Amino acid sequence: MPGSSPVDIVSFSFEVTLRMMQTGCSQVLGLESGTIHDEQIRASSFRNSWLRGRWYPHLARLHKEGRVNAWQAGEWIEVNFWKPVKVTEVVTQGASSYRITSSPLFKVFHGNDDSERIQENLLDIPIIARFFRIHPLEYIGRPTLRLEILGCNNQSKTSSFLYHIFAEH
C-alpha cells in the first residue's frame, strides 16, 4: 500500500498471565461459637443495670439470647484475635449504623433497625488486623450490639494493610 511502512516481526513470544484472588476467606472467626474467649473482647464501657444485670462486652456474640443478651454502653467494642487475621465481613445485630476503626478507611456501615435481624456487611477491602474495633454510631433505644466477624488467617508475611489500634493497651 502506498504510504505504509512494512513491519518485520523479528521475534515473538507468548506468555501466560494468571490473575489470582483468594477465595474462601469468609469463615466465622469465633464470636458466636465461643472460640474467641471472653477475655479477648473488651469495650470502652458497659452498662450496669440493677434490675437486669451487667451488659459485659463478651455478651456481644451474634444470636445471644437471655435477659441480658448483648453488649450495651459506650463508644466502642474491640476483639483481640491474638494474631493478625484477614477480616472480610462483619455481621451485626442491634446498631443502626457503625464504623470500624481498625482501618484508615472511614466508612459508615448500615446496621439494622431492630435487635433480632442480622445485617451482613462485606468490606470493600479486607482488613488485616490483630485488634478489630467497632464504634456504634446510631441505634434505637440504647447502644447495644451483637456481632460476628468473618475472614481467615493471614497467610502473607508482609502486608501494607496491617493496622493496630494503640489506644489503652
Protein backbone atom coordinates (compact mmCIF):
# COMPACT_ATOMS: atom_id res chain seq x y z
CA MET A 1 0.00 0.00 0.00
CA PRO A 2 1.26 3.47 -0.74
CA GLY A 3 2.35 5.45 2.33
CA SER A 4 2.56 2.48 4.67
CA SER A 5 5.79 1.07 6.00
CA PRO A 6 6.20 -2.65 6.31
CA VAL A 7 6.92 -4.08 9.73
CA ASP A 8 9.14 -7.09 10.05
CA ILE A 9 8.46 -9.31 13.03
CA VAL A 10 11.85 -10.31 14.35
CA SER A 11 10.69 -12.48 17.24
CA PHE A 12 7.51 -13.37 19.03
CA SER A 13 6.93 -14.76 22.50
CA PHE A 14 3.79 -15.97 24.17
CA GLU A 15 3.38 -15.64 27.95
CA VAL A 16 0.64 -16.97 30.14
CA THR A 17 -0.73 -14.44 32.61
CA LEU A 18 -2.56 -15.54 35.71
CA ARG A 19 -4.68 -13.34 37.94
CA MET A 20 -5.31 -14.78 41.37
CA MET A 21 -7.87 -13.92 44.01
CA GLN A 22 -8.06 -15.53 47.40
CA THR A 23 -11.33 -17.35 47.83
CA GLY A 24 -12.72 -18.99 50.89
CA CYS A 25 -11.78 -16.14 53.22
CA SER A 26 -15.19 -15.90 54.83
CA GLN A 27 -15.09 -18.28 57.77
CA VAL A 28 -16.64 -17.19 61.05
CA LEU A 29 -13.81 -16.19 63.39
CA GLY A 30 -15.49 -17.39 66.56
CA LEU A 31 -17.54 -14.80 68.44
CA GLU A 32 -20.85 -16.66 68.29
CA SER A 33 -19.30 -20.11 68.87
CA GLY A 34 -17.12 -19.00 71.79
CA THR A 35 -13.83 -19.81 70.03
CA ILE A 36 -12.97 -16.20 70.78
CA HIS A 37 -12.74 -16.16 74.57
CA ASP A 38 -14.45 -13.62 76.83
CA GLU A 39 -11.11 -12.01 77.74
CA GLN A 40 -10.45 -11.28 74.04
CA ILE A 41 -13.43 -8.92 73.93
CA ARG A 42 -13.23 -5.53 75.62
CA ALA A 43 -15.04 -2.22 75.39
CA SER A 44 -14.76 1.40 76.38
CA SER A 45 -17.54 0.77 78.92
CA PHE A 46 -20.57 -1.37 79.65
CA ARG A 47 -23.98 -0.77 81.18
CA ASN A 48 -24.73 -1.87 84.71
CA SER A 49 -28.44 -2.21 85.46
CA TRP A 50 -29.53 -3.05 89.00
CA LEU A 51 -32.66 -4.71 87.59
CA ARG A 52 -31.26 -6.67 84.65
CA GLY A 53 -27.57 -7.10 85.40
CA ARG A 54 -24.35 -6.16 83.66
CA TRP A 55 -24.13 -5.88 79.87
CA TYR A 56 -20.50 -7.03 79.56
CA PRO A 57 -18.52 -6.84 76.29
CA HIS A 58 -18.36 -10.65 75.96
CA LEU A 59 -22.16 -10.67 75.59
CA ALA A 60 -21.75 -9.13 72.12
CA ARG A 61 -21.96 -12.54 70.44
CA LEU A 62 -24.32 -12.92 67.46
CA HIS A 63 -27.70 -14.53 68.29
CA LYS A 64 -27.08 -14.27 72.06
CA GLU A 65 -30.30 -14.92 73.99
CA GLY A 66 -31.47 -14.37 77.54
CA ARG A 67 -32.38 -11.46 79.74
CA VAL A 68 -29.03 -9.73 79.32
CA ASN A 69 -28.20 -10.63 75.74
CA ALA A 70 -25.85 -8.08 74.20
CA TRP A 71 -23.05 -5.64 74.94
CA GLN A 72 -24.54 -2.30 75.87
CA ALA A 73 -23.00 1.05 76.59
CA GLY A 74 -20.12 3.10 75.38
CA GLU A 75 -18.16 4.29 72.46
CA TRP A 76 -16.53 1.13 71.12
CA ILE A 77 -16.08 -2.61 71.39
CA GLU A 78 -12.88 -4.42 70.39
CA VAL A 79 -11.87 -8.00 69.63
CA ASN A 80 -8.26 -9.11 70.16
CA PHE A 81 -7.53 -12.02 67.80
CA TRP A 82 -4.07 -12.54 69.42
CA LYS A 83 -2.52 -12.54 65.92
CA PRO A 84 -3.25 -10.69 62.68
CA VAL A 85 -6.22 -12.07 60.75
CA LYS A 86 -7.80 -11.01 57.48
CA VAL A 87 -11.31 -9.62 58.05
CA THR A 88 -13.67 -9.63 55.06
CA GLU A 89 -17.16 -9.25 56.55
CA VAL A 90 -18.97 -8.06 59.68
CA VAL A 91 -22.39 -9.37 60.73
CA THR A 92 -24.30 -7.37 63.35
CA GLN A 93 -27.49 -7.24 65.36
CA GLY A 94 -28.56 -4.11 67.19
CA ALA A 95 -26.86 -0.96 65.94
CA SER A 96 -28.43 1.07 63.13
CA SER A 97 -25.02 2.19 61.91
CA TYR A 98 -21.39 1.77 62.94
CA ARG A 99 -17.85 2.39 61.79
CA ILE A 100 -14.73 0.27 62.01
CA THR A 101 -11.55 1.93 63.28
CA SER A 102 -9.19 -0.96 62.55
CA SER A 103 -8.71 0.58 59.12
CA PRO A 104 -7.64 4.02 57.89
CA LEU A 105 -10.63 3.98 55.52
CA PHE A 106 -13.51 5.89 57.08
CA LYS A 107 -16.81 4.28 56.16
CA VAL A 108 -20.13 4.16 57.97
CA PHE A 109 -21.81 0.77 57.69
CA HIS A 110 -25.55 0.24 57.74
CA GLY A 111 -26.78 -1.89 60.63
CA ASN A 112 -30.38 -2.83 61.36
CA ASP A 113 -33.47 -1.25 62.88
CA ASP A 114 -34.18 -3.94 65.45
CA SER A 115 -32.22 -6.31 67.67
CA GLU A 116 -33.20 -9.60 66.01
CA ARG A 117 -32.47 -9.38 62.28
CA ILE A 118 -28.88 -9.64 61.15
CA GLN A 119 -27.10 -7.24 58.85
CA GLU A 120 -24.19 -8.53 56.78
CA ASN A 121 -21.59 -6.04 55.54
CA LEU A 122 -18.82 -7.12 53.18
CA LEU A 123 -15.71 -4.96 53.41
CA ASP A 124 -14.65 -3.34 50.15
CA ILE A 125 -11.02 -4.02 51.04
CA PRO A 126 -10.12 -6.78 53.52
CA ILE A 127 -8.55 -5.55 56.74
CA ILE A 128 -5.59 -7.36 58.25
CA ALA A 129 -5.53 -6.61 61.95
CA ARG A 130 -4.92 -8.13 65.35
CA PHE A 131 -7.35 -5.75 67.06
CA PHE A 132 -10.74 -5.09 65.48
CA ARG A 133 -12.71 -2.17 66.89
CA ILE A 134 -16.30 -1.14 66.13
CA HIS A 135 -18.00 2.13 67.12
CA PRO A 136 -21.82 2.05 67.13
CA LEU A 137 -22.98 5.42 65.76
CA GLU A 138 -26.78 5.19 65.61
CA TYR A 139 -29.14 2.91 67.49
CA ILE A 140 -32.73 2.55 68.65
CA GLY A 141 -33.14 2.99 72.40
CA ARG A 142 -29.71 2.17 73.83
CA PRO A 143 -26.41 1.40 72.06
CA THR A 144 -26.46 -2.41 72.04
CA LEU A 145 -24.55 -4.67 69.71
CA ARG A 146 -24.09 -8.34 68.89
CA LEU A 147 -21.70 -9.35 66.16
CA GLU A 148 -19.71 -11.95 64.30
CA ILE A 149 -16.60 -11.26 62.27
CA LEU A 150 -15.77 -13.27 59.16
CA GLY A 151 -12.42 -13.74 57.47
CA CYS A 152 -9.45 -16.10 57.60
CA ASN A 153 -5.95 -16.48 58.95
CA ASN A 154 -3.50 -14.02 57.46
CA GLN A 155 -1.07 -16.04 55.32
CA SER A 156 1.02 -13.17 53.97
CA LYS A 157 4.40 -12.48 55.55
CA THR A 158 4.15 -8.74 54.94
CA SER A 159 1.16 -6.56 54.40
CA SER A 160 0.57 -2.90 53.77
CA PHE A 161 -2.88 -3.26 55.33
CA LEU A 162 -1.71 -4.17 58.84
CA TYR A 163 -3.21 -1.72 61.29
CA HIS A 164 -3.02 -1.68 65.04
CA ILE A 165 -5.13 0.23 67.48
CA PHE A 166 -2.77 1.82 70.00
CA ALA A 167 -5.41 3.03 72.45
CA GLU A 168 -5.20 1.90 76.06
CA HIS A 169 -3.18 -1.31 75.56
